[in-house]
Structure formats: structure tokens, C-alpha cells
C-alpha atoms as a PDB file:
ATOM      1  CA  MET A   1      13.518  13.911  48.442  1.00  0.00           C
ATOM      2  CA  SER A   2      13.584  10.601  46.698  1.00  0.00           C
ATOM      3  CA  LYS A   3      15.527  10.053  43.521  1.00  0.00           C
ATOM      4  CA  THR A   4      14.655   7.412  40.932  1.00  0.00           C
ATOM      5  CA  ILE A   5      17.140   4.823  39.894  1.00  0.00           C
ATOM      6  CA  ASP A   6      17.372   6.621  36.518  1.00  0.00           C
ATOM      7  CA  GLN A   7      18.537   9.877  38.082  1.00  0.00           C
ATOM      8  CA  LEU A   8      20.954   8.164  40.377  1.00  0.00           C
ATOM      9  CA  SER A   9      22.510   6.269  37.426  1.00  0.00           C
ATOM     10  CA  SER A  10      22.833   9.428  35.402  1.00  0.00           C
ATOM     11  CA  ASP A  11      24.469  11.282  38.442  1.00  0.00           C
ATOM     12  CA  ASN A  12      26.929   8.371  38.670  1.00  0.00           C
ATOM     13  CA  ILE A  13      27.865   8.714  35.088  1.00  0.00           C
ATOM     14  CA  ARG A  14      28.460  12.382  35.551  1.00  0.00           C
ATOM     15  CA  ALA A  15      30.722  11.714  38.659  1.00  0.00           C
ATOM     16  CA  LEU A  16      32.694   9.126  36.685  1.00  0.00           C
ATOM     17  CA  ALA A  17      33.154  11.494  33.755  1.00  0.00           C
ATOM     18  CA  ILE A  18      34.524  14.178  36.132  1.00  0.00           C
ATOM     19  CA  SER A  19      36.744  11.630  37.801  1.00  0.00           C
ATOM     20  CA  MET A  20      38.191  10.493  34.476  1.00  0.00           C
ATOM     21  CA  VAL A  21      39.009  14.074  33.292  1.00  0.00           C
ATOM     22  CA  GLU A  22      40.619  14.870  36.636  1.00  0.00           C
ATOM     23  CA  LYS A  23      42.781  11.681  36.560  1.00  0.00           C
ATOM     24  CA  ALA A  24      43.857  12.351  32.970  1.00  0.00           C
ATOM     25  CA  ASN A  25      44.690  15.991  33.795  1.00  0.00           C
ATOM     26  CA  SER A  26      43.269  16.789  30.408  1.00  0.00           C
ATOM     27  CA  GLY A  27      40.089  17.506  28.631  1.00  0.00           C
ATOM     28  CA  HIS A  28      36.676  19.061  29.637  1.00  0.00           C
ATOM     29  CA  PRO A  29      33.843  17.074  31.299  1.00  0.00           C
ATOM     30  CA  GLY A  30      30.969  19.076  29.721  1.00  0.00           C
ATOM     31  CA  GLY A  31      30.265  16.714  26.918  1.00  0.00           C
ATOM     32  CA  PRO A  32      29.988  13.561  28.969  1.00  0.00           C
ATOM     33  CA  MET A  33      28.102  15.402  31.775  1.00  0.00           C
ATOM     34  CA  GLY A  34      25.611  16.782  29.296  1.00  0.00           C
ATOM     35  CA  GLY A  35      25.072  13.356  27.614  1.00  0.00           C
ATOM     36  CA  ALA A  36      24.811  11.316  30.858  1.00  0.00           C
ATOM     37  CA  ASP A  37      21.010  11.078  30.564  1.00  0.00           C
ATOM     38  CA  PHE A  38      21.233  10.011  26.907  1.00  0.00           C
ATOM     39  CA  MET A  39      23.891   7.433  27.621  1.00  0.00           C
ATOM     40  CA  HIS A  40      21.895   5.934  30.459  1.00  0.00           C
ATOM     41  CA  ILE A  41      18.854   5.518  28.180  1.00  0.00           C
ATOM     42  CA  LEU A  42      20.867   4.263  25.330  1.00  0.00           C
ATOM     43  CA  TYR A  43      22.504   1.462  27.317  1.00  0.00           C
ATOM     44  CA  SER A  44      19.825   0.451  29.664  1.00  0.00           C
END
């Protein structure tokens, strides 16, 4: 299975969002995870 660079970038944003929430011990990663594709398109 080959993923495109767009999918890999969105997956990386999701992983970073989860990491930030875990490090802060507060919040919910649902919003950033759901908006990862949008954020990638917006800033690329």
C-alpha cells in the first residue's frame, strides 16, 4: 500500500495533535485530528 505525501502529512499532523494533548495532560484531540486534512490543504 502506497500513501501519498498528502496522506502522510495529515497523519503526521494527527500524531502531533495527540502528542500535544498527552503532554499537556488536558484537552481532547478530536478537533485537531478531524481538521488535519483541512489544515494541511490550507497551509500547503
